[in-house]
């Protein structure tokens, strides 16, 4: 069994939980034992508890974000120690890129990152697809660990790892499967709907500006009409080549964020609708399917994925 250590910022705890869910099959098959600092028992000495696990881990997942990089403890202590073990051949590091940030010049920037092509998890239209891709990379690392035949933790014992405290040695054995289903209130759903609409507006505003900078013959307009409506139009040579409106159609489980190919569409008229749904660990957006091709209607969209989906519907008429 390979031991997996999560190094992460607590601001990214929700993403860590989602990734851990996708590693459940490996845990159930007895292939990995995952650990992070939320497993520390009250009374344990923090540094000793963390570094006793870090110095015996076979696979170290660096959950990379701007908050991870700005955290002195994550970057200067956990990551640097992990790199020492990786370069000594005592552990394998997998950088997992959670959110957009500058990371390629970091010490771990030379390593192959997950998910595929180092594309941040939050930028994938379907977040579960990104997390599953990371889980596959962990599975490959576990396979390589098994083929090597010598657990990295054995080699790690030759290092000067901090001794465990009496509290750690006396800790009772327990399951690592302590995660419970999260309950989301109507307010949680409403807040998620509002914040997603705000994100889509900012995404469209920035994208309309950028497309004009890249294409000199194209101009665009973006208008935030009110707190629940926006419109965007693209022109080439003064001729309209694409338009849309995006509206927050309500605050209940049956309503969501509507998209229309008409910049002045009326309330209740739309070509696509995204509704808020939930799984055991997170809220996500799901489309009614009118804009998808190839079965994409079942995708679980993050806020970034929802914005990209609506932008693709908008831009395809101009392309």
C-alpha atoms as a PDB file:
ATOM      1  CA  UNK A   1       0.000   0.000   0.000  1.00  0.00           C
ATOM      2  CA  UNK A   2       1.344   3.420  -0.969  1.00  0.00           C
ATOM      3  CA  UNK A   3       1.022   6.318   1.462  1.00  0.00           C
ATOM      4  CA  UNK A   4      -0.257   9.594  -0.024  1.00  0.00           C
ATOM      5  CA  UNK A   5       0.352  12.987   1.614  1.00  0.00           C
ATOM      6  CA  UNK A   6      -1.703  16.091   0.754  1.00  0.00           C
ATOM      7  CA  UNK A   7       0.187  19.387   0.966  1.00  0.00           C
ATOM      8  CA  UNK A   8      -2.337  22.200   0.527  1.00  0.00           C
ATOM      9  CA  UNK A   9      -3.609  25.565   1.714  1.00  0.00           C
ATOM     10  CA  UNK A  10      -6.648  25.424   3.963  1.00  0.00           C
ATOM     11  CA  UNK A  11      -8.309  27.893   1.587  1.00  0.00           C
ATOM     12  CA  UNK A  12      -8.383  25.010  -0.915  1.00  0.00           C
ATOM     13  CA  UNK A  13      -9.882  22.494   1.507  1.00  0.00           C
ATOM     14  CA  UNK A  14     -13.072  22.038  -0.524  1.00  0.00           C
ATOM     15  CA  UNK A  15     -11.049  21.047  -3.604  1.00  0.00           C
ATOM     16  CA  UNK A  16      -8.939  18.711  -1.500  1.00  0.00           C
ATOM     17  CA  UNK A  17     -12.123  16.995  -0.280  1.00  0.00           C
ATOM     18  CA  UNK A  18     -13.336  16.580  -3.859  1.00  0.00           C
ATOM     19  CA  UNK A  19     -10.015  15.092  -4.956  1.00  0.00           C
ATOM     20  CA  UNK A  20     -10.032  12.710  -2.004  1.00  0.00           C
ATOM     21  CA  UNK A  21     -13.458  11.487  -3.115  1.00  0.00           C
ATOM     22  CA  UNK A  22     -12.017  10.637  -6.529  1.00  0.00           C
ATOM     23  CA  UNK A  23      -9.240   8.644  -4.854  1.00  0.00           C
ATOM     24  CA  UNK A  24     -11.780   6.521  -2.955  1.00  0.00           C
ATOM     25  CA  UNK A  25     -11.513   3.577  -5.362  1.00  0.00           C
ATOM     26  CA  UNK A  26      -7.758   3.333  -4.811  1.00  0.00           C
ATOM     27  CA  UNK A  27      -8.368   3.445  -1.049  1.00  0.00           C
ATOM     28  CA  UNK A  28     -11.112   0.815  -1.223  1.00  0.00           C
ATOM     29  CA  UNK A  29      -8.808  -1.446  -3.242  1.00  0.00           C
ATOM     30  CA  UNK A  30      -6.190  -1.173  -0.515  1.00  0.00           C
ATOM     31  CA  UNK A  31      -3.714   0.537  -2.852  1.00  0.00           C
ATOM     32  CA  UNK A  32      -3.287   3.827  -0.993  1.00  0.00           C
ATOM     33  CA  UNK A  33      -3.628   5.319   2.458  1.00  0.00           C
ATOM     34  CA  UNK A  34      -4.205   9.084   2.220  1.00  0.00           C
ATOM     35  CA  UNK A  35      -3.278  11.605   4.931  1.00  0.00           C
ATOM     36  CA  UNK A  36      -3.637  15.352   5.431  1.00  0.00           C
ATOM     37  CA  UNK A  37      -3.422  17.613   8.453  1.00  0.00           C
ATOM     38  CA  UNK A  38      -7.133  17.320   9.284  1.00  0.00           C
ATOM     39  CA  UNK A  39      -6.263  13.813  10.514  1.00  0.00           C
ATOM     40  CA  UNK A  40      -4.209  15.290  13.380  1.00  0.00           C
ATOM     41  CA  UNK A  41      -5.629  14.379  16.758  1.00  0.00           C
ATOM     42  CA  UNK A  42      -6.187  17.026  19.426  1.00  0.00           C
ATOM     43  CA  UNK A  43      -3.104  17.207  21.624  1.00  0.00           C
ATOM     44  CA  UNK A  44      -0.636  16.190  18.912  1.00  0.00           C
ATOM     45  CA  UNK A  45       2.381  18.408  18.279  1.00  0.00           C
ATOM     46  CA  UNK A  46       1.686  19.825  14.818  1.00  0.00           C
ATOM     47  CA  UNK A  47       5.160  19.853  13.261  1.00  0.00           C
ATOM     48  CA  UNK A  48       5.958  16.368  14.471  1.00  0.00           C
ATOM     49  CA  UNK A  49       2.626  14.980  13.286  1.00  0.00           C
ATOM     50  CA  UNK A  50       2.942  16.559   9.828  1.00  0.00           C
ATOM     51  CA  UNK A  51       6.596  15.785   9.162  1.00  0.00           C
ATOM     52  CA  UNK A  52       6.385  12.228  10.463  1.00  0.00           C
ATOM     53  CA  UNK A  53       3.841  11.640   7.657  1.00  0.00           C
ATOM     54  CA  UNK A  54       5.611  13.770   5.052  1.00  0.00           C
ATOM     55  CA  UNK A  55       8.926  11.977   5.651  1.00  0.00           C
ATOM     56  CA  UNK A  56       7.380   8.528   5.168  1.00  0.00           C
ATOM     57  CA  UNK A  57       4.995   9.298   2.298  1.00  0.00           C
ATOM     58  CA  UNK A  58       5.457   7.486  -0.995  1.00  0.00           C
ATOM     59  CA  UNK A  59       3.422   9.966  -3.061  1.00  0.00           C
ATOM     60  CA  UNK A  60       3.168  13.668  -2.198  1.00  0.00           C
ATOM     61  CA  UNK A  61       0.402  15.707  -3.801  1.00  0.00           C
ATOM     62  CA  UNK A  62       1.158  19.426  -3.942  1.00  0.00           C
ATOM     63  CA  UNK A  63      -2.231  21.126  -4.372  1.00  0.00           C
ATOM     64  CA  UNK A  64      -1.024  24.248  -6.161  1.00  0.00           C
ATOM     65  CA  UNK A  65      -2.771  27.611  -6.064  1.00  0.00           C
ATOM     66  CA  UNK A  66      -1.776  31.182  -5.322  1.00  0.00           C
ATOM     67  CA  UNK A  67      -2.679  30.534  -1.684  1.00  0.00           C
ATOM     68  CA  UNK A  68      -0.429  27.454  -1.599  1.00  0.00           C
ATOM     69  CA  UNK A  69       2.482  29.435  -3.040  1.00  0.00           C
ATOM     70  CA  UNK A  70       1.909  32.388  -0.690  1.00  0.00           C
ATOM     71  CA  UNK A  71       1.742  30.131   2.372  1.00  0.00           C
ATOM     72  CA  UNK A  72       5.123  30.122   4.100  1.00  0.00           C
ATOM     73  CA  UNK A  73       4.425  26.755   5.719  1.00  0.00           C
ATOM     74  CA  UNK A  74       3.194  25.043   2.536  1.00  0.00           C
ATOM     75  CA  UNK A  75       5.903  26.461   0.260  1.00  0.00           C
ATOM     76  CA  UNK A  76       8.989  26.874   2.429  1.00  0.00           C
ATOM     77  CA  UNK A  77       8.552  23.915   4.719  1.00  0.00           C
ATOM     78  CA  UNK A  78       6.332  21.187   3.248  1.00  0.00           C
ATOM     79  CA  UNK A  79       7.137  21.723  -0.436  1.00  0.00           C
ATOM     80  CA  UNK A  80      10.880  22.198   0.027  1.00  0.00           C
ATOM     81  CA  UNK A  81      11.097  19.084   2.215  1.00  0.00           C
ATOM     82  CA  UNK A  82       9.037  17.164  -0.347  1.00  0.00           C
ATOM     83  CA  UNK A  83      11.422  18.238  -3.129  1.00  0.00           C
ATOM     84  CA  UNK A  84      14.392  16.981  -1.116  1.00  0.00           C
ATOM     85  CA  UNK A  85      12.778  13.562  -0.828  1.00  0.00           C
ATOM     86  CA  UNK A  86      11.723  13.551  -4.485  1.00  0.00           C
ATOM     87  CA  UNK A  87      15.232  14.395  -5.707  1.00  0.00           C
ATOM     88  CA  UNK A  88      16.687  11.717  -3.432  1.00  0.00           C
ATOM     89  CA  UNK A  89      14.361   9.149  -5.023  1.00  0.00           C
ATOM     90  CA  UNK A  90      12.536   8.552  -1.765  1.00  0.00           C
ATOM     91  CA  UNK A  91       9.115   9.819  -2.845  1.00  0.00           C
ATOM     92  CA  UNK A  92       7.248  10.913  -5.941  1.00  0.00           C
ATOM     93  CA  UNK A  93       5.790  14.437  -6.134  1.00  0.00           C
ATOM     94  CA  UNK A  94       2.732  15.151  -8.253  1.00  0.00           C
ATOM     95  CA  UNK A  95       1.908  18.864  -8.569  1.00  0.00           C
ATOM     96  CA  UNK A  96      -1.878  19.164  -8.833  1.00  0.00           C
ATOM     97  CA  UNK A  97      -2.810  22.554 -10.279  1.00  0.00           C
ATOM     98  CA  UNK A  98      -5.998  23.709  -8.589  1.00  0.00           C
ATOM     99  CA  UNK A  99      -6.326  27.316  -9.733  1.00  0.00           C
ATOM    100  CA  UNK A 100      -4.606  29.664 -12.161  1.00  0.00           C
ATOM    101  CA  UNK A 101      -1.336  30.973 -10.740  1.00  0.00           C
ATOM    102  CA  UNK A 102       2.326  31.405 -11.708  1.00  0.00           C
ATOM    103  CA  UNK A 103       3.970  28.101 -10.790  1.00  0.00           C
ATOM    104  CA  UNK A 104       6.275  26.993 -13.640  1.00  0.00           C
ATOM    105  CA  UNK A 105       9.314  28.722 -12.124  1.00  0.00           C
ATOM    106  CA  UNK A 106       8.808  27.092  -8.727  1.00  0.00           C
ATOM    107  CA  UNK A 107      11.131  24.208  -7.734  1.00  0.00           C
ATOM    108  CA  UNK A 108       8.375  21.726  -8.691  1.00  0.00           C
ATOM    109  CA  UNK A 109       7.773  23.503 -12.018  1.00  0.00           C
ATOM    110  CA  UNK A 110      10.037  21.034 -13.828  1.00  0.00           C
ATOM    111  CA  UNK A 111       7.766  18.124 -12.884  1.00  0.00           C
ATOM    112  CA  UNK A 112       4.868  16.827 -14.949  1.00  0.00           C
ATOM    113  CA  UNK A 113       1.739  18.286 -13.385  1.00  0.00           C
ATOM    114  CA  UNK A 114      -1.838  17.046 -13.218  1.00  0.00           C
ATOM    115  CA  UNK A 115      -4.480  17.309 -14.496  1.00  0.00           C
ATOM    116  CA  UNK A 116      -3.619  16.942 -18.189  1.00  0.00           C
ATOM    117  CA  UNK A 117      -1.315  19.664 -19.559  1.00  0.00           C
ATOM    118  CA  UNK A 118      -1.269  21.363 -16.162  1.00  0.00           C
ATOM    119  CA  UNK A 119      -4.675  22.901 -16.857  1.00  0.00           C
ATOM    120  CA  UNK A 120      -6.085  24.101 -13.512  1.00  0.00           C
ATOM    121  CA  UNK A 121      -8.899  21.977 -12.123  1.00  0.00           C
ATOM    122  CA  UNK A 122     -11.188  24.995 -11.695  1.00  0.00           C
ATOM    123  CA  UNK A 123     -10.857  25.890 -15.393  1.00  0.00           C
ATOM    124  CA  UNK A 124     -12.264  22.591 -16.688  1.00  0.00           C
ATOM    125  CA  UNK A 125     -15.891  22.752 -17.829  1.00  0.00           C
ATOM    126  CA  UNK A 126     -16.542  19.521 -15.917  1.00  0.00           C
ATOM    127  CA  UNK A 127     -14.605  19.569 -12.649  1.00  0.00           C
ATOM    128  CA  UNK A 128     -15.188  15.850 -12.067  1.00  0.00           C
ATOM    129  CA  UNK A 129     -13.397  15.120 -15.353  1.00  0.00           C
ATOM    130  CA  UNK A 130     -10.354  17.051 -14.135  1.00  0.00           C
ATOM    131  CA  UNK A 131     -10.358  15.330 -10.741  1.00  0.00           C
ATOM    132  CA  UNK A 132     -10.705  11.915 -12.378  1.00  0.00           C
ATOM    133  CA  UNK A 133      -7.687  12.750 -14.552  1.00  0.00           C
ATOM    134  CA  UNK A 134      -5.673  13.501 -11.402  1.00  0.00           C
ATOM    135  CA  UNK A 135      -6.840  10.226  -9.842  1.00  0.00           C
ATOM    136  CA  UNK A 136      -5.584   8.342 -12.904  1.00  0.00           C
ATOM    137  CA  UNK A 137      -2.163   9.965 -12.521  1.00  0.00           C
ATOM    138  CA  UNK A 138      -2.075   8.950  -8.861  1.00  0.00           C
ATOM    139  CA  UNK A 139      -2.985   5.402  -9.897  1.00  0.00           C
ATOM    140  CA  UNK A 140      -0.033   5.380 -12.337  1.00  0.00           C
ATOM    141  CA  UNK A 141       2.269   6.568  -9.548  1.00  0.00           C
ATOM    142  CA  UNK A 142       0.957   3.812  -7.279  1.00  0.00           C
ATOM    143  CA  UNK A 143       1.651   1.259 -10.013  1.00  0.00           C
ATOM    144  CA  UNK A 144       5.195   2.565 -10.374  1.00  0.00           C
ATOM    145  CA  UNK A 145       5.607   2.426  -6.608  1.00  0.00           C
ATOM    146  CA  UNK A 146       4.494  -1.220  -6.588  1.00  0.00           C
ATOM    147  CA  UNK A 147       6.837  -2.139  -9.438  1.00  0.00           C
ATOM    148  CA  UNK A 148       9.774  -0.621  -7.618  1.00  0.00           C
ATOM    149  CA  UNK A 149       9.219  -3.046  -4.784  1.00  0.00           C
ATOM    150  CA  UNK A 150      10.932  -0.950  -2.086  1.00  0.00           C
ATOM    151  CA  UNK A 151       8.607   1.366  -0.212  1.00  0.00           C
ATOM    152  CA  UNK A 152       9.927   4.898  -0.108  1.00  0.00           C
ATOM    153  CA  UNK A 153       9.182   5.067   3.571  1.00  0.00           C
ATOM    154  CA  UNK A 154      11.951   2.511   4.259  1.00  0.00           C
ATOM    155  CA  UNK A 155      14.522   4.762   2.610  1.00  0.00           C
ATOM    156  CA  UNK A 156      13.104   7.740   4.429  1.00  0.00           C
ATOM    157  CA  UNK A 157      14.003   6.224   7.786  1.00  0.00           C
ATOM    158  CA  UNK A 158      17.647   6.931   7.053  1.00  0.00           C
ATOM    159  CA  UNK A 159      16.824  10.634   7.210  1.00  0.00           C
ATOM    160  CA  UNK A 160      16.673  12.640  10.395  1.00  0.00           C
ATOM    161  CA  UNK A 161      12.895  12.721  10.641  1.00  0.00           C
ATOM    162  CA  UNK A 162      11.415  14.320  13.741  1.00  0.00           C
ATOM    163  CA  UNK A 163      10.568  11.805  16.434  1.00  0.00           C
ATOM    164  CA  UNK A 164       6.898  11.228  17.132  1.00  0.00           C
ATOM    165  CA  UNK A 165       5.520  12.699  20.296  1.00  0.00           C
ATOM    166  CA  UNK A 166       4.067  10.480  22.985  1.00  0.00           C
ATOM    167  CA  UNK A 167       0.622  11.714  21.993  1.00  0.00           C
ATOM    168  CA  UNK A 168       1.129  10.533  18.379  1.00  0.00           C
ATOM    169  CA  UNK A 169       2.451   7.130  19.513  1.00  0.00           C
ATOM    170  CA  UNK A 170      -0.499   6.686  21.861  1.00  0.00           C
ATOM    171  CA  UNK A 171      -3.140   7.743  19.335  1.00  0.00           C
ATOM    172  CA  UNK A 172      -5.843   5.162  18.808  1.00  0.00           C
ATOM    173  CA  UNK A 173      -6.149   3.605  15.363  1.00  0.00           C
ATOM    174  CA  UNK A 174      -8.982   4.986  13.273  1.00  0.00           C
ATOM    175  CA  UNK A 175     -10.382   4.966   9.764  1.00  0.00           C
ATOM    176  CA  UNK A 176      -9.371   7.603   7.251  1.00  0.00           C
ATOM    177  CA  UNK A 177     -12.893   7.392   5.834  1.00  0.00           C
ATOM    178  CA  UNK A 178     -14.469  10.126   7.989  1.00  0.00           C
ATOM    179  CA  UNK A 179     -15.959  12.302   5.294  1.00  0.00           C
ATOM    180  CA  UNK A 180     -19.721  12.847   5.494  1.00  0.00           C
ATOM    181  CA  UNK A 181     -22.162  14.095   2.894  1.00  0.00           C
ATOM    182  CA  UNK A 182     -22.429  17.879   2.952  1.00  0.00           C
ATOM    183  CA  UNK A 183     -25.859  19.443   3.243  1.00  0.00           C
ATOM    184  CA  UNK A 184     -26.536  22.548   1.148  1.00  0.00           C
ATOM    185  CA  UNK A 185     -29.280  24.990   2.135  1.00  0.00           C
ATOM    186  CA  UNK A 186     -31.419  27.059  -0.198  1.00  0.00           C
ATOM    187  CA  UNK A 187     -29.272  30.043   0.781  1.00  0.00           C
ATOM    188  CA  UNK A 188     -26.141  28.133  -0.252  1.00  0.00           C
ATOM    189  CA  UNK A 189     -27.709  27.480  -3.653  1.00  0.00           C
ATOM    190  CA  UNK A 190     -28.867  31.080  -4.042  1.00  0.00           C
ATOM    191  CA  UNK A 191     -25.444  32.441  -3.085  1.00  0.00           C
ATOM    192  CA  UNK A 192     -23.777  30.056  -5.545  1.00  0.00           C
ATOM    193  CA  UNK A 193     -26.184  31.169  -8.281  1.00  0.00           C
ATOM    194  CA  UNK A 194     -25.462  34.851  -7.618  1.00  0.00           C
ATOM    195  CA  UNK A 195     -21.697  34.408  -7.458  1.00  0.00           C
ATOM    196  CA  UNK A 196     -21.729  32.327 -10.649  1.00  0.00           C
ATOM    197  CA  UNK A 197     -23.667  35.020 -12.501  1.00  0.00           C
ATOM    198  CA  UNK A 198     -21.205  37.668 -11.264  1.00  0.00           C
ATOM    199  CA  UNK A 199     -18.304  35.518 -12.430  1.00  0.00           C
ATOM    200  CA  UNK A 200     -19.862  35.009 -15.875  1.00  0.00           C
ATOM    201  CA  UNK A 201     -20.305  38.777 -16.240  1.00  0.00           C
ATOM    202  CA  UNK A 202     -16.657  39.460 -15.381  1.00  0.00           C
ATOM    203  CA  UNK A 203     -15.585  36.610 -17.690  1.00  0.00           C
ATOM    204  CA  UNK A 204     -17.548  38.046 -20.625  1.00  0.00           C
ATOM    205  CA  UNK A 205     -16.354  41.591 -19.975  1.00  0.00           C
ATOM    206  CA  UNK A 206     -12.721  40.523 -19.958  1.00  0.00           C
ATOM    207  CA  UNK A 207     -13.148  38.248 -22.983  1.00  0.00           C
ATOM    208  CA  UNK A 208     -14.888  40.931 -25.083  1.00  0.00           C
ATOM    209  CA  UNK A 209     -12.010  43.313 -24.331  1.00  0.00           C
ATOM    210  CA  UNK A 210      -9.415  40.659 -25.168  1.00  0.00           C
ATOM    211  CA  UNK A 211     -10.970  39.605 -28.470  1.00  0.00           C
ATOM    212  CA  UNK A 212     -10.840  43.191 -29.690  1.00  0.00           C
ATOM    213  CA  UNK A 213      -7.167  43.438 -28.761  1.00  0.00           C
ATOM    214  CA  UNK A 214      -6.345  40.250 -30.657  1.00  0.00           C
ATOM    215  CA  UNK A 215      -8.533  40.955 -33.704  1.00  0.00           C
ATOM    216  CA  UNK A 216      -8.125  44.545 -34.899  1.00  0.00           C
ATOM    217  CA  UNK A 217     -11.130  44.364 -37.242  1.00  0.00           C
ATOM    218  CA  UNK A 218     -13.484  43.307 -34.440  1.00  0.00           C
ATOM    219  CA  UNK A 219     -15.056  45.536 -31.818  1.00  0.00           C
ATOM    220  CA  UNK A 220     -17.310  44.472 -29.009  1.00  0.00           C
ATOM    221  CA  UNK A 221     -19.613  45.839 -26.363  1.00  0.00           C
ATOM    222  CA  UNK A 222     -20.408  44.478 -22.939  1.00  0.00           C
ATOM    223  CA  UNK A 223     -23.217  45.867 -20.787  1.00  0.00           C
ATOM    224  CA  UNK A 224     -24.075  44.901 -17.229  1.00  0.00           C
ATOM    225  CA  UNK A 225     -27.702  46.016 -17.414  1.00  0.00           C
ATOM    226  CA  UNK A 226     -28.514  45.364 -13.759  1.00  0.00           C
ATOM    227  CA  UNK A 227     -27.715  42.890 -11.000  1.00  0.00           C
ATOM    228  CA  UNK A 228     -29.456  40.095 -12.912  1.00  0.00           C
ATOM    229  CA  UNK A 229     -28.861  40.817 -16.625  1.00  0.00           C
ATOM    230  CA  UNK A 230     -25.964  41.346 -19.033  1.00  0.00           C
ATOM    231  CA  UNK A 231     -25.590  41.607 -22.815  1.00  0.00           C
ATOM    232  CA  UNK A 232     -22.662  41.300 -25.214  1.00  0.00           C
ATOM    233  CA  UNK A 233     -22.317  42.070 -28.940  1.00  0.00           C
ATOM    234  CA  UNK A 234     -19.440  41.619 -31.416  1.00  0.00           C
ATOM    235  CA  UNK A 235     -19.083  43.626 -34.648  1.00  0.00           C
ATOM    236  CA  UNK A 236     -16.777  43.167 -37.630  1.00  0.00           C
ATOM    237  CA  UNK A 237     -16.526  46.215 -39.861  1.00  0.00           C
ATOM    238  CA  UNK A 238     -19.558  47.646 -38.105  1.00  0.00           C
ATOM    239  CA  UNK A 239     -21.684  44.577 -38.862  1.00  0.00           C
ATOM    240  CA  UNK A 240     -23.068  42.551 -35.962  1.00  0.00           C
ATOM    241  CA  UNK A 241     -21.577  39.031 -36.002  1.00  0.00           C
ATOM    242  CA  UNK A 242     -22.586  37.712 -32.566  1.00  0.00           C
ATOM    243  CA  UNK A 243     -24.838  38.747 -29.715  1.00  0.00           C
ATOM    244  CA  UNK A 244     -26.224  37.281 -26.531  1.00  0.00           C
ATOM    245  CA  UNK A 245     -27.804  38.025 -23.210  1.00  0.00           C
ATOM    246  CA  UNK A 246     -27.290  36.167 -19.939  1.00  0.00           C
ATOM    247  CA  UNK A 247     -29.815  36.502 -17.159  1.00  0.00           C
ATOM    248  CA  UNK A 248     -30.338  35.254 -13.653  1.00  0.00           C
ATOM    249  CA  UNK A 249     -33.862  33.901 -13.988  1.00  0.00           C
ATOM    250  CA  UNK A 250     -34.665  33.279 -10.348  1.00  0.00           C
ATOM    251  CA  UNK A 251     -33.515  32.052  -6.982  1.00  0.00           C
ATOM    252  CA  UNK A 252     -34.914  28.568  -6.494  1.00  0.00           C
ATOM    253  CA  UNK A 253     -33.980  25.025  -7.374  1.00  0.00           C
ATOM    254  CA  UNK A 254     -35.980  25.152 -10.593  1.00  0.00           C
ATOM    255  CA  UNK A 255     -34.409  28.379 -11.864  1.00  0.00           C
ATOM    256  CA  UNK A 256     -30.928  29.347 -12.847  1.00  0.00           C
ATOM    257  CA  UNK A 257     -28.872  31.283 -15.375  1.00  0.00           C
ATOM    258  CA  UNK A 258     -30.351  31.661 -18.848  1.00  0.00           C
ATOM    259  CA  UNK A 259     -28.579  32.295 -22.158  1.00  0.00           C
ATOM    260  CA  UNK A 260     -30.156  33.785 -25.291  1.00  0.00           C
ATOM    261  CA  UNK A 261     -28.720  34.515 -28.723  1.00  0.00           C
ATOM    262  CA  UNK A 262     -30.660  37.792 -28.606  1.00  0.00           C
ATOM    263  CA  UNK A 263     -29.034  40.664 -26.673  1.00  0.00           C
ATOM    264  CA  UNK A 264     -32.493  42.062 -25.853  1.00  0.00           C
ATOM    265  CA  UNK A 265     -34.321  38.797 -25.123  1.00  0.00           C
ATOM    266  CA  UNK A 266     -37.276  38.973 -22.771  1.00  0.00           C
ATOM    267  CA  UNK A 267     -37.470  37.322 -19.381  1.00  0.00           C
ATOM    268  CA  UNK A 268     -38.430  33.661 -19.734  1.00  0.00           C
ATOM    269  CA  UNK A 269     -37.068  33.391 -23.276  1.00  0.00           C
ATOM    270  CA  UNK A 270     -33.807  31.467 -23.574  1.00  0.00           C
ATOM    271  CA  UNK A 271     -31.766  29.064 -25.712  1.00  0.00           C
ATOM    272  CA  UNK A 272     -29.992  27.392 -22.800  1.00  0.00           C
ATOM    273  CA  UNK A 273     -30.373  27.245 -19.032  1.00  0.00           C
ATOM    274  CA  UNK A 274     -27.934  26.288 -16.275  1.00  0.00           C
ATOM    275  CA  UNK A 275     -29.396  25.100 -12.975  1.00  0.00           C
ATOM    276  CA  UNK A 276     -27.704  24.639  -9.608  1.00  0.00           C
ATOM    277  CA  UNK A 277     -27.367  21.047  -8.415  1.00  0.00           C
ATOM    278  CA  UNK A 278     -25.342  19.311  -5.720  1.00  0.00           C
ATOM    279  CA  UNK A 279     -23.412  16.117  -5.170  1.00  0.00           C
ATOM    280  CA  UNK A 280     -22.130  14.843  -1.840  1.00  0.00           C
ATOM    281  CA  UNK A 281     -19.354  17.429  -1.582  1.00  0.00           C
ATOM    282  CA  UNK A 282     -20.061  20.461  -3.757  1.00  0.00           C
ATOM    283  CA  UNK A 283     -22.495  22.588  -5.725  1.00  0.00           C
ATOM    284  CA  UNK A 284     -22.231  22.692  -9.499  1.00  0.00           C
ATOM    285  CA  UNK A 285     -24.087  23.848 -12.633  1.00  0.00           C
ATOM    286  CA  UNK A 286     -25.882  21.510 -15.017  1.00  0.00           C
ATOM    287  CA  UNK A 287     -27.306  22.517 -18.379  1.00  0.00           C
ATOM    288  CA  UNK A 288     -30.707  21.631 -19.779  1.00  0.00           C
ATOM    289  CA  UNK A 289     -28.782  20.330 -22.798  1.00  0.00           C
ATOM    290  CA  UNK A 290     -30.018  22.570 -25.585  1.00  0.00           C
ATOM    291  CA  UNK A 291     -26.533  23.923 -26.318  1.00  0.00           C
ATOM    292  CA  UNK A 292     -24.540  20.706 -25.971  1.00  0.00           C
ATOM    293  CA  UNK A 293     -23.549  18.229 -28.625  1.00  0.00           C
ATOM    294  CA  UNK A 294     -22.228  14.717 -28.010  1.00  0.00           C
ATOM    295  CA  UNK A 295     -23.837  14.084 -24.622  1.00  0.00           C
ATOM    296  CA  UNK A 296     -22.328  17.051 -22.803  1.00  0.00           C
ATOM    297  CA  UNK A 297     -25.564  17.787 -20.968  1.00  0.00           C
ATOM    298  CA  UNK A 298     -24.509  15.502 -18.111  1.00  0.00           C
ATOM    299  CA  UNK A 299     -21.367  17.491 -17.329  1.00  0.00           C
ATOM    300  CA  UNK A 300     -20.991  18.993 -13.857  1.00  0.00           C
ATOM    301  CA  UNK A 301     -19.865  22.555 -14.508  1.00  0.00           C
ATOM    302  CA  UNK A 302     -17.831  24.734 -12.171  1.00  0.00           C
ATOM    303  CA  UNK A 303     -18.315  28.504 -12.273  1.00  0.00           C
ATOM    304  CA  UNK A 304     -15.382  28.730 -14.679  1.00  0.00           C
ATOM    305  CA  UNK A 305     -16.815  25.903 -16.761  1.00  0.00           C
ATOM    306  CA  UNK A 306     -20.221  27.593 -16.920  1.00  0.00           C
ATOM    307  CA  UNK A 307     -18.661  30.860 -18.104  1.00  0.00           C
ATOM    308  CA  UNK A 308     -16.597  29.086 -20.759  1.00  0.00           C
ATOM    309  CA  UNK A 309     -19.649  27.110 -21.933  1.00  0.00           C
ATOM    310  CA  UNK A 310     -21.742  30.250 -22.434  1.00  0.00           C
ATOM    311  CA  UNK A 311     -18.826  32.068 -24.085  1.00  0.00           C
ATOM    312  CA  UNK A 312     -18.458  29.207 -26.575  1.00  0.00           C
ATOM    313  CA  UNK A 313     -22.159  29.446 -27.435  1.00  0.00           C
ATOM    314  CA  UNK A 314     -21.739  33.178 -27.976  1.00  0.00           C
ATOM    315  CA  UNK A 315     -18.474  33.137 -29.953  1.00  0.00           C
ATOM    316  CA  UNK A 316     -19.343  30.278 -32.328  1.00  0.00           C
ATOM    317  CA  UNK A 317     -21.533  32.575 -34.439  1.00  0.00           C
ATOM    318  CA  UNK A 318     -18.575  34.890 -34.975  1.00  0.00           C
ATOM    319  CA  UNK A 319     -16.224  32.035 -35.813  1.00  0.00           C
END
